[in-house]
Amino acid sequence: MAVAARILMMRLVILMARMVDVVRSMDTVATPLNSPSPAPAAPNPGIFKVVGQSGVPAMHAGLMPNGRVIFLDKVENYTQIKLPDGQYAYSAEYDPATNTVAGLQYATNAFCSGGAFLADGRWVSLGGNAPLAFIDPTVGDGFTAIRYLNRSSTDASLDGSNWSEPGNKLSTARWYATAQTMPDGTVFVASGSLNGLDPSVPANNNPTYEILNTEGISSGKSIPLKILEKNQPYYMYPFVHLLNNGDLFIFVSKSAEVFNVEGNQTVTALPDLPGDFRTYPNTGGSVLLPLSSANDWAPEIVICGGGAYQDITSPTDPSCGSVQPLSDNPTWAMESMPGGRGMVEATLLPDGTIIWVNGCNQGAQGFGLATASTLEALIYDPTKAVGQRFSTGSSSTIARLYHSCALLLLDGTLMVVGSNPVQMPVLTPVPNQTPSEDYVTEFRVEIYTPPYLQDNAQRPTNVVLSSLSLTANGSPFIVVFNAPTGNTVCKVVLYHGGYVTHSLHMNHRMLFLDNTGYVSGATMQTLTVTMPPNNNVAQPGPYVIYVTCGGVPAIGQFVMVS
């Protein structure tokens, strides 16, 4: 009986979209404010190339301080790796240097968790879903779980070590929660489902937030958050960005606000973003544009894509809105992608552009709920005028739908991985199924080489940092490197990749650091680089330093920021 009940619960999760009142949702559908806008072909479009196999479906991903990528998945009845105990692995460590992968073990089901880096460099996965003992009796309930993973740029003995779960728990169950590391190193954790059932029933939902301390241990209190309460059921996996005054930008559905965590209050209610829904189950992409001292680290946020309701018939939204939430009169500046996209995600690149990949032109998040995969990379240049920022890069041949990820590697290339839009792994298409199994579980790992690494691009080399421990207090450090012959402008970038899942890049940010000492045309360069003024601008944790010359990055190096 227990097995049957668990199967029934999983089916309810799979068909959650059907349980939402689609008719009511369709009443909100309107023609997007912006129609699709052509994006000219990029002069240098970049290249997609398959390089390996992920071992496990890559539902969640993150670049670790050892330069490897961790993939995290839910409990499955098949992966490419078995653990020593004979069970399938649901997490894996991928080495981009060799394109090899090794399985990792965890103790609780990480299905649709959130996560962040702690100030001490550990990566945490937060929340999840119920145990599936009929598939794997060794994995327990993940709804309140906190999982820790430790990797180091200086201690190779940690490579390949399993997830640690000492028993710390969230104060309430959270499936589809967002996490944001705060300036003091605590972690803000918001939203989620209490049981994975119909989100149109408020009793199933968890529209609250809680705080983890710097060690990743919950305060034990879940606090109601009004913007989540009022936007049910389109309230899960909210977009959250840390602003340079220490407040948070929170976006749910179509609504946005500036929220002060310490005072537990909304500081500014922003105008709604025109167009369709933007967060789960019609998630688009959200990115905090590169920060610099040129405008006093003022934040600007771009949100693109989305959809109308949770069904395979849903149209997707081509429009994008950008906003400066701390300006005197924050308003959305609108532009459009060349087509509607759901599940599109944005990754900051070291040259200051943003790459948008993955997603669909029709449908929504959920098992078997998307079709018309969007294969083109879109290159976004925020230095251009609104409406002229998009160009079209090269195309992949692999559909990347529900449960896909993209993230920047140390060599400045983009890893694109995942897509598992089915209840359990499917290796060959099974058409005419409900939910659809036209799209299979995808294990192929792709590398997208951006335009700046093509046409015999010359990297800066022999980069040496005066310290790998840096402080966000305006203090200086030294960078020595060899610049390419004939270089023009060299910059230093501080980069945080964060926790990637479901089109969200939690904690993702990039900063252009002030520097002096550059000698035009010289091969040997010694720069004095100034750190950001405080942890509001760069919260504590692991970052990558990229030196770029003419937009071409050297191989990045991990540092710890305090």
Protein backbone atom coordinates (compact mmCIF):
# COMPACT_ATOMS: atom_id res chain seq x y z
CA MET A 1 0.00 0.00 0.00
CA ALA A 2 2.89 2.37 0.87
CA VAL A 3 4.46 1.78 -2.55
CA ALA A 4 1.17 2.52 -4.32
CA ALA A 5 0.76 5.72 -2.32
CA ARG A 6 4.21 6.93 -3.27
CA ILE A 7 3.60 6.17 -6.94
CA LEU A 8 0.32 8.08 -6.72
CA MET A 9 2.12 11.04 -5.12
CA MET A 10 4.71 11.08 -7.91
CA ARG A 11 1.95 11.01 -10.51
CA LEU A 12 0.32 13.95 -8.77
CA VAL A 13 3.61 15.83 -8.95
CA ILE A 14 3.98 15.01 -12.64
CA LEU A 15 0.47 16.14 -13.44
CA MET A 16 0.56 19.21 -11.23
CA ALA A 17 0.00 21.38 -14.26
CA ARG A 18 -3.27 19.64 -14.96
CA MET A 19 -4.43 20.34 -11.42
CA VAL A 20 -3.89 24.09 -11.77
CA ASP A 21 -6.97 25.79 -13.15
CA VAL A 22 -5.77 26.23 -16.75
CA VAL A 23 -8.96 27.95 -17.75
CA ARG A 24 -8.49 30.57 -15.07
CA SER A 25 -4.85 31.00 -16.07
CA MET A 26 -5.79 31.43 -19.71
CA ASP A 27 -7.99 34.34 -18.71
CA THR A 28 -4.74 36.23 -17.98
CA VAL A 29 -3.26 35.55 -21.40
CA ALA A 30 -2.76 38.64 -23.49
CA THR A 31 -0.70 39.52 -26.49
CA PRO A 32 2.79 40.31 -25.13
CA LEU A 33 3.59 44.00 -24.98
CA ASN A 34 6.47 43.42 -27.36
CA SER A 35 6.32 41.24 -30.43
CA PRO A 36 9.41 39.23 -31.34
CA SER A 37 12.23 41.40 -32.66
CA PRO A 38 14.78 40.16 -35.19
CA ALA A 39 18.26 39.64 -33.74
CA PRO A 40 20.97 40.03 -36.38
CA ALA A 41 23.46 37.23 -36.82
CA ALA A 42 26.53 37.73 -34.66
CA PRO A 43 29.67 38.30 -36.77
CA ASN A 44 31.29 35.51 -34.78
CA PRO A 45 28.55 33.18 -33.54
CA GLY A 46 30.47 30.79 -31.32
CA ILE A 47 30.57 26.99 -31.57
CA PHE A 48 28.70 24.15 -29.81
CA LYS A 49 30.55 20.85 -29.39
CA VAL A 50 29.64 17.64 -27.53
CA VAL A 51 32.56 16.66 -25.27
CA GLY A 52 31.31 14.06 -22.79
CA GLN A 53 28.58 12.40 -20.75
CA SER A 54 27.18 13.75 -17.50
CA GLY A 55 26.74 10.42 -15.72
CA VAL A 56 23.54 11.63 -14.05
CA PRO A 57 20.78 13.93 -15.34
CA ALA A 58 22.02 17.46 -14.60
CA MET A 59 19.05 19.04 -12.82
CA HIS A 60 21.33 21.24 -10.69
CA ALA A 61 24.92 22.30 -11.39
CA GLY A 62 27.73 24.41 -10.01
CA LEU A 63 31.40 25.12 -10.70
CA MET A 64 33.49 24.16 -7.69
CA PRO A 65 36.77 25.70 -6.44
CA ASN A 66 38.66 22.67 -7.77
CA GLY A 67 37.55 23.61 -11.30
CA ARG A 68 35.18 20.67 -11.57
CA VAL A 69 31.41 20.78 -12.01
CA ILE A 70 28.96 19.09 -9.65
CA PHE A 71 25.72 17.74 -11.07
CA LEU A 72 22.81 16.96 -8.76
CA ASP A 73 19.69 15.01 -9.66
CA LYS A 74 16.58 13.47 -8.14
CA VAL A 75 16.15 9.78 -7.32
CA GLU A 76 15.92 7.94 -10.66
CA ASN A 77 15.43 4.37 -11.81
CA TYR A 78 18.43 4.76 -14.14
CA THR A 79 21.62 6.80 -14.39
CA GLN A 80 24.93 6.07 -16.13
CA ILE A 81 26.77 5.47 -12.84
CA LYS A 82 26.37 2.94 -10.05
CA LEU A 83 27.79 3.50 -6.58
CA PRO A 84 29.75 0.91 -4.57
CA ASP A 85 26.54 -0.11 -2.76
CA GLY A 86 24.96 -1.09 -6.10
CA GLN A 87 22.50 1.82 -6.19
CA TYR A 88 22.46 4.40 -8.95
CA ALA A 89 24.30 7.68 -8.37
CA TYR A 90 22.14 10.82 -8.35
CA SER A 91 25.04 13.25 -8.13
CA ALA A 92 28.30 13.38 -10.05
CA GLU A 93 31.56 15.30 -10.29
CA TYR A 94 32.62 16.19 -13.83
CA ASP A 95 36.20 17.14 -14.71
CA PRO A 96 36.25 19.49 -17.74
CA ALA A 97 39.99 18.93 -18.13
CA THR A 98 39.50 15.24 -18.96
CA ASN A 99 35.74 15.09 -19.66
CA THR A 100 35.43 12.27 -17.14
CA VAL A 101 32.80 11.88 -14.45
CA ALA A 102 32.54 10.12 -11.08
CA GLY A 103 29.46 9.35 -8.99
CA LEU A 104 28.74 10.93 -5.62
CA GLN A 105 26.39 9.71 -2.91
CA TYR A 106 23.77 11.66 -0.99
CA ALA A 107 21.33 10.65 1.74
CA THR A 108 18.14 12.58 0.88
CA ASN A 109 16.20 13.20 -2.32
CA ALA A 110 17.43 16.51 -3.83
CA PHE A 111 14.61 16.73 -6.39
CA CYS A 112 14.17 20.45 -7.28
CA SER A 113 16.26 21.88 -4.48
CA GLY A 114 17.74 25.35 -4.19
CA GLY A 115 21.24 26.24 -3.10
CA ALA A 116 24.14 28.60 -2.56
CA PHE A 117 27.78 28.82 -1.58
CA LEU A 118 28.43 29.46 2.10
CA ALA A 119 30.96 32.07 3.16
CA ASP A 120 33.49 29.32 3.93
CA GLY A 121 33.26 27.97 0.36
CA ARG A 122 31.01 24.96 0.94
CA TRP A 123 28.17 24.42 -1.53
CA VAL A 124 24.77 23.69 0.00
CA SER A 125 21.68 22.09 -1.52
CA LEU A 126 18.47 23.01 0.28
CA GLY A 127 15.16 21.16 0.34
CA GLY A 128 13.93 18.56 -2.10
CA ASN A 129 11.19 15.97 -2.24
CA ALA A 130 9.89 12.76 -0.71
CA PRO A 131 11.76 9.46 -0.53
CA LEU A 132 11.10 6.87 -3.23
CA ALA A 133 11.98 3.71 -1.35
CA PHE A 134 10.51 1.51 -4.09
CA ILE A 135 13.33 2.83 -6.32
CA ASP A 136 16.10 3.32 -3.75
CA PRO A 137 15.62 2.54 -0.05
CA THR A 138 18.97 4.14 0.84
CA VAL A 139 17.78 7.70 0.11
CA GLY A 140 15.50 9.46 2.60
CA ASP A 141 13.07 12.38 2.68
CA GLY A 142 14.58 15.54 1.21
CA PHE A 143 11.85 18.12 1.88
CA THR A 144 13.70 19.74 4.81
CA ALA A 145 17.19 18.45 4.03
CA ILE A 146 20.40 20.49 4.01
CA ARG A 147 23.26 18.90 2.07
CA TYR A 148 26.86 20.15 2.16
CA LEU A 149 29.68 19.63 -0.32
CA ASN A 150 33.26 20.75 0.22
CA ARG A 151 35.80 21.31 -2.54
CA SER A 152 39.02 23.32 -2.55
CA SER A 153 41.39 24.90 -5.05
CA THR A 154 44.30 23.91 -2.81
CA ASP A 155 43.30 20.54 -1.27
CA ALA A 156 42.87 17.81 -3.89
CA SER A 157 42.08 15.23 -1.20
CA LEU A 158 38.50 16.56 -1.16
CA ASP A 159 37.96 15.69 -4.82
CA GLY A 160 35.38 12.94 -5.23
CA SER A 161 34.16 13.06 -1.63
CA ASN A 162 30.44 12.52 -1.08
CA TRP A 163 27.78 14.92 0.14
CA SER A 164 27.71 15.47 3.90
CA GLU A 165 24.35 15.42 5.70
CA PRO A 166 24.91 15.70 9.45
CA GLY A 167 21.18 16.05 10.15
CA ASN A 168 20.64 19.82 10.02
CA LYS A 169 17.18 20.64 8.70
CA LEU A 170 15.23 23.54 7.26
CA SER A 171 12.49 24.84 9.55
CA THR A 172 9.78 23.84 7.05
CA ALA A 173 9.57 21.71 3.90
CA ARG A 174 10.75 23.43 0.71
CA TRP A 175 10.50 22.00 -2.80
CA TYR A 176 11.46 24.66 -5.41
CA ALA A 177 13.11 27.14 -3.03
CA THR A 178 15.48 29.99 -3.92
CA ALA A 179 18.57 30.82 -1.86
CA GLN A 180 20.65 34.01 -1.66
CA THR A 181 23.84 34.53 0.34
CA MET A 182 23.63 37.79 2.30
CA PRO A 183 26.39 40.35 3.00
CA ASP A 184 26.99 38.91 6.50
CA GLY A 185 27.35 35.38 5.14
CA THR A 186 23.92 34.19 6.24
CA VAL A 187 21.65 32.64 3.62
CA PHE A 188 18.11 33.81 2.78
CA VAL A 189 15.95 30.83 1.70
CA ALA A 190 12.50 31.53 0.28
CA SER A 191 9.43 29.84 -1.17
CA GLY A 192 8.72 26.23 -2.01
CA SER A 193 6.07 23.56 -1.72
CA LEU A 194 5.29 21.68 1.48
CA ASN A 195 4.35 18.43 -0.24
CA GLY A 196 4.76 18.65 -4.02
CA LEU A 197 1.01 18.67 -4.63
CA ASP A 198 -1.40 21.05 -6.39
CA PRO A 199 -0.03 24.60 -5.87
CA SER A 200 -3.43 26.17 -6.57
CA VAL A 201 -4.35 24.96 -3.06
CA PRO A 202 -2.62 27.39 -0.66
CA ALA A 203 -2.39 24.75 2.07
CA ASN A 204 0.15 22.89 -0.08
CA ASN A 205 2.44 25.90 -0.37
CA ASN A 206 5.18 27.49 1.70
CA PRO A 207 5.20 31.25 0.89
CA THR A 208 7.73 32.01 3.64
CA TYR A 209 11.44 32.60 4.10
CA GLU A 210 13.99 31.51 6.67
CA ILE A 211 17.61 32.35 7.42
CA LEU A 212 20.57 29.98 7.65
CA ASN A 213 23.54 31.15 9.71
CA THR A 214 27.06 31.31 8.29
CA GLU A 215 27.49 27.59 9.03
CA GLY A 216 24.41 26.73 6.98
CA ILE A 217 22.16 25.95 9.97
CA SER A 218 18.57 27.20 10.00
CA SER A 219 17.29 29.70 12.54
CA GLY A 220 14.28 27.41 12.93
CA LYS A 221 11.76 30.08 11.96
CA SER A 222 9.77 30.39 8.74
CA ILE A 223 8.51 33.94 8.21
CA PRO A 224 5.60 34.84 5.88
CA LEU A 225 6.62 36.82 2.77
CA LYS A 226 3.74 38.81 1.31
CA ILE A 227 4.96 38.90 -2.30
CA LEU A 228 4.94 35.10 -2.28
CA GLU A 229 1.53 34.87 -0.62
CA LYS A 230 -0.20 37.14 -3.13
CA ASN A 231 1.32 35.50 -6.23
CA GLN A 232 0.32 31.89 -5.61
CA PRO A 233 0.48 29.53 -7.44
CA TYR A 234 3.12 31.22 -9.65
CA TYR A 235 5.35 31.89 -6.66
CA MET A 236 7.97 29.11 -6.58
CA TYR A 237 11.66 29.58 -7.47
CA PRO A 238 11.44 33.39 -7.22
CA PHE A 239 14.19 35.50 -8.78
CA VAL A 240 16.31 37.04 -6.00
CA HIS A 241 19.31 39.37 -6.38
CA LEU A 242 21.41 41.08 -3.70
CA LEU A 243 21.54 44.86 -4.21
CA ASN A 244 24.40 47.21 -3.39
CA ASN A 245 22.60 48.62 -0.35
CA GLY A 246 22.18 45.16 1.23
CA ASP A 247 18.49 44.82 0.35
CA LEU A 248 17.10 42.15 -1.96
CA PHE A 249 15.35 42.43 -5.30
CA ILE A 250 12.59 39.80 -5.27
CA PHE A 251 10.57 38.96 -8.36
CA VAL A 252 7.60 36.55 -8.47
CA SER A 253 5.18 35.94 -11.34
CA LYS A 254 4.98 39.52 -12.68
CA SER A 255 5.57 41.35 -9.39
CA ALA A 256 8.79 42.84 -8.05
CA GLU A 257 9.92 44.58 -4.90
CA VAL A 258 12.94 45.73 -2.94
CA PHE A 259 12.88 43.85 0.39
CA ASN A 260 14.83 44.54 3.57
CA VAL A 261 15.51 41.25 5.32
CA GLU A 262 16.67 42.66 8.66
CA GLY A 263 13.53 44.77 8.99
CA ASN A 264 11.27 42.15 7.37
CA GLN A 265 9.64 44.79 5.20
CA THR A 266 9.06 45.85 1.64
CA VAL A 267 11.07 48.99 0.94
CA THR A 268 9.78 49.64 -2.58
CA ALA A 269 7.00 47.95 -4.53
CA LEU A 270 8.07 48.08 -8.17
CA PRO A 271 5.70 48.20 -11.14
CA ASP A 272 4.62 44.83 -12.53
CA LEU A 273 6.64 43.59 -15.49
CA PRO A 274 4.40 43.68 -18.59
CA GLY A 275 3.80 40.41 -20.41
CA ASP A 276 3.18 36.87 -19.22
CA PHE A 277 4.28 35.00 -16.10
CA ARG A 278 8.05 34.85 -15.61
CA THR A 279 8.59 32.42 -12.70
CA TYR A 280 7.81 28.73 -12.21
CA PRO A 281 6.01 27.07 -13.93
CA ASN A 282 6.59 29.57 -16.75
CA THR A 283 10.11 30.48 -15.84
CA GLY A 284 12.07 32.81 -18.04
CA GLY A 285 15.58 33.96 -17.20
CA SER A 286 16.86 36.65 -14.84
CA VAL A 287 20.32 38.21 -14.61
CA LEU A 288 21.98 40.98 -12.63
CA LEU A 289 24.05 42.90 -15.18
CA PRO A 290 27.79 43.34 -14.56
CA LEU A 291 28.58 45.74 -11.72
CA SER A 292 31.30 48.39 -11.65
CA SER A 293 32.33 51.51 -9.78
CA ALA A 294 31.56 53.59 -12.88
CA ASN A 295 27.97 53.99 -11.66
CA ASP A 296 28.68 53.29 -7.98
CA TRP A 297 27.84 49.57 -8.32
CA ALA A 298 24.19 50.41 -9.08
CA PRO A 299 22.24 47.26 -9.99
CA GLU A 300 20.31 46.68 -13.20
CA ILE A 301 18.32 43.48 -13.67
CA VAL A 302 17.10 41.94 -16.93
CA ILE A 303 14.26 39.38 -17.10
CA CYS A 304 13.39 37.64 -20.38
CA GLY A 305 10.90 35.04 -21.54
CA GLY A 306 8.10 33.27 -19.68
CA GLY A 307 4.68 31.93 -20.55
CA ALA A 308 0.95 32.03 -19.98
CA TYR A 309 -0.02 28.85 -18.09
CA GLN A 310 1.27 25.39 -17.19
CA ASP A 311 0.43 23.26 -20.18
CA ILE A 312 2.10 22.10 -23.39
CA THR A 313 -0.23 24.42 -25.31
CA SER A 314 1.01 27.57 -23.56
CA PRO A 315 2.49 30.31 -25.73
CA THR A 316 5.82 31.72 -24.61
CA ASP A 317 6.76 35.35 -24.21
CA PRO A 318 9.53 37.00 -26.32
CA SER A 319 9.68 40.17 -24.24
CA CYS A 320 12.38 41.29 -21.84
CA GLY A 321 12.29 43.96 -19.19
CA SER A 322 15.22 45.71 -17.57
CA VAL A 323 14.96 47.75 -14.39
CA GLN A 324 17.21 49.69 -12.01
CA PRO A 325 15.43 48.86 -8.74
CA LEU A 326 17.22 51.47 -6.60
CA SER A 327 16.69 54.37 -8.99
CA ASP A 328 14.44 57.27 -8.01
CA ASN A 329 11.68 56.10 -10.34
CA PRO A 330 12.23 52.46 -11.24
CA THR A 331 10.44 51.48 -14.43
CA TRP A 332 10.78 48.59 -16.86
CA ALA A 333 12.49 49.26 -20.19
CA MET A 334 11.09 46.74 -22.67
CA GLU A 335 12.73 44.92 -25.58
CA SER A 336 12.31 41.52 -27.23
CA MET A 337 14.09 38.34 -28.16
CA PRO A 338 13.62 37.05 -31.73
CA GLY A 339 11.03 34.55 -30.45
CA GLY A 340 9.14 33.51 -27.35
CA ARG A 341 11.09 31.38 -24.88
CA GLY A 342 10.30 29.51 -21.71
CA MET A 343 13.08 28.01 -19.59
CA VAL A 344 15.67 30.31 -21.15
CA GLU A 345 18.64 31.07 -18.91
CA ALA A 346 21.27 33.79 -18.84
CA THR A 347 24.96 33.43 -18.03
CA LEU A 348 27.33 36.35 -17.57
CA LEU A 349 30.50 36.16 -19.70
CA PRO A 350 33.87 37.71 -18.74
CA ASP A 351 33.79 40.19 -21.65
CA GLY A 352 30.62 41.75 -20.18
CA THR A 353 28.11 40.18 -22.55
CA ILE A 354 25.41 37.72 -21.52
CA ILE A 355 24.64 34.45 -23.28
CA TRP A 356 21.03 33.16 -23.33
CA VAL A 357 20.54 29.47 -24.11
CA ASN A 358 18.11 26.56 -23.74
CA GLY A 359 14.34 26.48 -23.51
CA CYS A 360 11.25 26.12 -25.67
CA ASN A 361 8.95 28.16 -27.89
CA GLN A 362 5.82 26.44 -26.61
CA GLY A 363 4.78 24.92 -23.30
CA ALA A 364 5.91 25.19 -19.69
CA GLN A 365 7.94 23.55 -16.96
CA GLY A 366 6.81 20.12 -15.86
CA PHE A 367 7.09 16.59 -17.17
CA GLY A 368 6.21 16.40 -20.85
CA LEU A 369 4.91 19.97 -20.96
CA ALA A 370 7.22 21.62 -23.52
CA THR A 371 7.83 21.39 -27.23
CA ALA A 372 9.43 23.41 -30.04
CA SER A 373 12.89 23.55 -28.44
CA THR A 374 14.85 26.76 -28.98
CA LEU A 375 18.37 25.82 -30.07
CA GLU A 376 19.98 29.18 -30.87
CA ALA A 377 22.32 30.98 -28.51
CA LEU A 378 21.41 34.63 -28.09
CA ILE A 379 24.21 37.10 -27.32
CA TYR A 380 23.19 40.15 -25.29
CA ASP A 381 25.38 43.26 -25.10
CA PRO A 382 24.21 45.57 -22.27
CA THR A 383 26.49 48.40 -23.47
CA LYS A 384 24.18 48.92 -26.47
CA ALA A 385 20.86 50.74 -26.48
CA VAL A 386 17.77 48.86 -25.31
CA GLY A 387 16.25 47.21 -28.37
CA GLN A 388 19.65 46.70 -30.04
CA ARG A 389 21.27 44.40 -27.53
CA PHE A 390 20.51 40.94 -28.98
CA SER A 391 22.38 39.13 -31.73
CA THR A 392 21.99 35.50 -32.75
CA GLY A 393 24.82 33.05 -32.17
CA SER A 394 25.23 29.50 -33.37
CA SER A 395 22.73 26.70 -32.72
CA SER A 396 22.99 23.49 -30.79
CA THR A 397 21.45 20.29 -32.14
CA ILE A 398 20.31 19.16 -28.68
CA ALA A 399 16.97 20.10 -27.10
CA ARG A 400 17.57 21.50 -23.62
CA LEU A 401 14.20 21.70 -21.88
CA TYR A 402 13.05 21.04 -18.31
CA HIS A 403 15.98 20.33 -15.95
CA SER A 404 18.76 21.85 -18.08
CA CYS A 405 21.72 23.93 -16.95
CA ALA A 406 24.37 26.27 -18.35
CA LEU A 407 27.41 27.65 -16.52
CA LEU A 408 30.76 29.29 -17.18
CA LEU A 409 33.96 27.25 -16.76
CA LEU A 410 37.42 28.45 -15.72
CA ASP A 411 38.59 28.53 -19.34
CA GLY A 412 35.84 30.99 -20.29
CA THR A 413 33.72 28.47 -22.21
CA LEU A 414 30.10 27.71 -21.39
CA MET A 415 29.05 24.22 -20.30
CA VAL A 416 25.52 23.32 -21.46
CA VAL A 417 24.07 20.16 -19.96
CA GLY A 418 20.92 18.39 -18.89
CA SER A 419 17.29 18.11 -20.02
CA ASN A 420 15.22 15.47 -18.29
CA PRO A 421 11.58 16.41 -18.97
CA VAL A 422 10.22 12.96 -18.03
CA GLN A 423 9.18 11.27 -14.79
CA MET A 424 12.00 8.73 -15.02
CA PRO A 425 14.83 8.57 -17.57
CA VAL A 426 13.81 7.83 -21.15
CA LEU A 427 16.63 7.04 -23.58
CA THR A 428 14.67 6.85 -26.83
CA PRO A 429 11.62 8.93 -27.81
CA VAL A 430 8.20 7.44 -27.09
CA PRO A 431 5.73 9.56 -29.09
CA ASN A 432 2.03 9.95 -28.35
CA GLN A 433 2.47 9.53 -24.62
CA THR A 434 0.76 11.57 -21.89
CA PRO A 435 2.78 13.32 -20.52
CA SER A 436 4.83 13.57 -23.70
CA GLU A 437 8.02 11.52 -23.99
CA ASP A 438 9.03 12.99 -27.33
CA TYR A 439 12.11 14.47 -25.64
CA VAL A 440 14.47 12.07 -23.90
CA THR A 441 16.76 12.25 -20.90
CA GLU A 442 19.90 13.99 -22.11
CA PHE A 443 23.32 12.94 -20.83
CA ARG A 444 25.46 14.67 -23.48
CA VAL A 445 27.67 17.49 -22.21
CA GLU A 446 28.20 20.37 -24.62
CA ILE A 447 30.75 23.16 -24.60
CA TYR A 448 29.80 26.45 -26.22
CA THR A 449 32.89 28.40 -27.20
CA PRO A 450 31.92 32.10 -27.15
CA PRO A 451 32.94 34.55 -29.88
CA TYR A 452 35.85 35.93 -27.84
CA LEU A 453 37.68 32.56 -28.00
CA GLN A 454 37.41 32.12 -31.79
CA ASP A 455 39.53 33.34 -34.71
CA ASN A 456 42.87 32.50 -33.08
CA ALA A 457 42.11 34.58 -30.01
CA GLN A 458 45.12 35.12 -27.79
CA ARG A 459 44.61 34.76 -24.06
CA PRO A 460 46.50 36.55 -21.30
CA THR A 461 48.86 34.00 -19.72
CA ASN A 462 50.95 33.36 -16.62
CA VAL A 463 48.50 35.11 -14.31
CA VAL A 464 49.76 35.41 -10.74
CA LEU A 465 47.66 36.89 -7.93
CA SER A 466 49.29 38.39 -4.85
CA SER A 467 46.71 36.61 -2.68
CA LEU A 468 43.94 34.03 -3.05
CA SER A 469 42.18 35.46 0.02
CA LEU A 470 40.60 38.83 -0.73
CA THR A 471 38.45 41.21 1.31
CA ALA A 472 35.57 43.30 0.00
CA ASN A 473 36.62 46.52 1.75
CA GLY A 474 38.26 48.53 -1.03
CA SER A 475 41.67 47.00 -0.36
CA PRO A 476 44.19 46.44 -3.19
CA PHE A 477 45.83 43.31 -4.53
CA ILE A 478 48.34 42.76 -7.33
CA VAL A 479 47.85 40.84 -10.58
CA VAL A 480 50.86 40.04 -12.77
CA PHE A 481 50.38 38.50 -16.22
CA ASN A 482 51.58 38.36 -19.79
CA ALA A 483 49.30 40.23 -22.18
CA PRO A 484 48.88 39.21 -25.83
CA THR A 485 50.92 41.08 -28.41
CA GLY A 486 49.11 44.19 -29.62
CA ASN A 487 46.63 44.19 -26.71
CA THR A 488 44.46 47.22 -26.23
CA VAL A 489 42.53 47.11 -22.94
CA CYS A 490 43.01 44.64 -20.10
CA LYS A 491 40.49 44.28 -17.27
CA VAL A 492 40.08 42.24 -14.10
CA VAL A 493 36.76 40.54 -13.41
CA LEU A 494 35.45 39.11 -10.12
CA TYR A 495 32.95 36.36 -10.94
CA HIS A 496 30.52 34.23 -8.91
CA GLY A 497 28.73 31.41 -10.73
CA GLY A 498 26.37 30.34 -7.94
CA TYR A 499 23.85 27.50 -7.93
CA VAL A 500 22.25 26.73 -11.31
CA THR A 501 18.88 25.01 -11.69
CA HIS A 502 15.57 25.43 -13.55
CA SER A 503 16.82 28.47 -15.53
CA LEU A 504 17.83 30.21 -12.27
CA HIS A 505 21.42 31.13 -11.49
CA MET A 506 21.13 31.78 -7.75
CA ASN A 507 23.70 34.30 -6.42
CA HIS A 508 25.16 34.79 -9.91
CA ARG A 509 27.10 38.07 -10.27
CA MET A 510 30.08 39.64 -11.99
CA LEU A 511 32.09 42.76 -11.14
CA PHE A 512 34.56 44.79 -13.16
CA LEU A 513 37.27 45.81 -10.68
CA ASP A 514 39.13 49.11 -10.84
CA ASN A 515 42.82 48.78 -11.63
CA THR A 516 45.88 50.92 -12.27
CA GLY A 517 49.31 50.28 -13.75
CA TYR A 518 48.29 49.08 -17.20
CA VAL A 519 50.92 49.88 -19.86
CA SER A 520 49.46 49.96 -23.36
CA GLY A 521 51.16 47.53 -25.71
CA ALA A 522 53.43 46.01 -23.07
CA THR A 523 53.60 42.24 -22.81
CA MET A 524 54.44 42.05 -19.10
CA GLN A 525 51.71 43.73 -17.04
CA THR A 526 51.49 44.45 -13.31
CA LEU A 527 48.12 45.80 -12.20
CA THR A 528 47.08 47.10 -8.81
CA VAL A 529 43.47 46.02 -8.47
CA THR A 530 40.93 47.44 -6.01
CA MET A 531 38.39 45.18 -4.37
CA PRO A 532 34.70 46.22 -4.09
CA PRO A 533 33.87 48.51 -1.17
CA ASN A 534 31.82 46.06 0.90
CA ASN A 535 29.98 42.74 1.05
CA ASN A 536 26.76 44.30 -0.24
CA VAL A 537 28.51 44.44 -3.59
CA ALA A 538 30.34 41.11 -3.24
CA GLN A 539 28.89 38.79 -0.63
CA PRO A 540 31.43 36.43 1.00
CA GLY A 541 32.31 33.12 -0.61
CA PRO A 542 34.27 31.65 -3.53
CA TYR A 543 34.77 33.72 -6.69
CA VAL A 544 36.82 33.43 -9.87
CA ILE A 545 39.28 36.10 -11.01
CA TYR A 546 39.40 36.44 -14.80
CA VAL A 547 41.95 38.72 -16.47
CA THR A 548 40.70 39.78 -19.90
CA CYS A 549 42.52 41.58 -22.71
CA GLY A 550 40.38 42.78 -25.58
CA GLY A 551 37.58 40.74 -24.01
CA VAL A 552 39.56 37.48 -24.19
CA PRO A 553 39.90 35.84 -20.75
CA ALA A 554 42.88 34.13 -19.24
CA ILE A 555 42.20 30.86 -17.43
CA GLY A 556 40.33 31.85 -14.28
CA GLN A 557 41.56 31.30 -10.74
CA PHE A 558 39.41 30.75 -7.66
CA VAL A 559 39.75 33.12 -4.71
CA MET A 560 37.93 33.40 -1.40
CA VAL A 561 36.24 36.72 -0.66
CA SER A 562 35.49 37.78 2.90
